[in-house]
Protein backbone atom coordinates (compact mmCIF):
# COMPACT_ATOMS: atom_id res chain seq x y z
CA MET A 1 96.45 -25.60 -19.48
CA THR A 2 93.46 -26.99 -21.34
CA ASP A 3 92.61 -29.97 -22.70
CA ASP A 4 93.41 -29.22 -26.35
CA LYS A 5 96.05 -31.94 -27.06
CA ASN A 6 97.51 -29.44 -29.81
CA LEU A 7 98.86 -27.32 -27.02
CA ARG A 8 101.71 -29.54 -25.88
CA ALA A 9 104.06 -27.99 -23.37
CA PRO A 10 107.50 -27.55 -24.79
CA ARG A 11 110.46 -29.78 -23.91
CA ASP A 12 112.59 -27.25 -22.70
CA ALA A 13 110.25 -24.07 -21.16
CA GLU A 14 113.59 -21.72 -21.12
CA ARG A 15 113.25 -21.84 -25.22
CA VAL A 16 110.85 -21.15 -27.88
CA ASN A 17 111.50 -23.28 -30.64
CA VAL A 18 109.67 -22.27 -33.62
CA ASN A 19 110.56 -24.80 -35.85
CA GLU A 20 108.45 -27.26 -33.87
CA ASP A 21 104.30 -26.56 -34.69
CA TYR A 22 103.16 -27.34 -31.38
CA GLU A 23 105.70 -24.98 -29.57
CA VAL A 24 104.48 -22.19 -31.79
CA ARG A 25 100.83 -23.20 -31.33
CA TYR A 26 101.95 -23.08 -27.08
CA TRP A 27 103.67 -19.98 -26.80
CA SER A 28 101.29 -17.85 -29.00
CA HIS A 29 98.46 -19.24 -26.66
CA LYS A 30 100.13 -18.85 -23.70
CA TRP A 31 101.05 -14.94 -24.72
CA GLY A 32 97.68 -14.38 -26.67
CA VAL A 33 99.72 -13.44 -29.68
CA SER A 34 99.53 -14.60 -33.59
CA GLU A 35 102.26 -17.03 -34.60
CA GLN A 36 103.65 -14.12 -36.73
CA GLN A 37 103.76 -12.11 -33.85
CA LEU A 38 105.66 -14.72 -31.87
CA ARG A 39 108.04 -15.63 -35.00
CA ASP A 40 108.83 -11.95 -35.22
CA ALA A 41 110.16 -11.87 -31.40
CA VAL A 42 112.35 -14.62 -31.66
CA LYS A 43 113.89 -13.25 -34.64
CA ARG A 44 114.75 -9.40 -32.80
CA VAL A 45 115.72 -10.71 -29.60
CA GLY A 46 116.26 -15.00 -29.81
CA VAL A 47 114.93 -17.91 -28.53
CA MET A 48 115.44 -17.62 -24.77
CA SER A 49 111.54 -17.33 -23.34
CA ARG A 50 111.92 -14.77 -20.90
CA ASP A 51 113.09 -12.48 -23.68
CA VAL A 52 110.63 -13.55 -25.91
CA ALA A 53 107.97 -12.34 -23.31
CA LYS A 54 109.58 -9.27 -22.44
CA ALA A 55 109.39 -8.30 -25.98
CA LEU A 56 105.66 -9.02 -26.37
CA GLY A 57 104.74 -7.09 -23.51
CA LYS A 58 103.98 -10.18 -20.91
């Protein structure tokens, strides 16, 4: 993890919460995708991080 204070880890690493800006930044950075790609993936497959990662090809 970088020293960027804006990239705080989520409280529940099994779920992607797109309602929290810091989580959107964290997951987008972790998977190297845009915020919109992340939101679209969550909309398609739900909030479970393993399902989102799979949908993003990660």
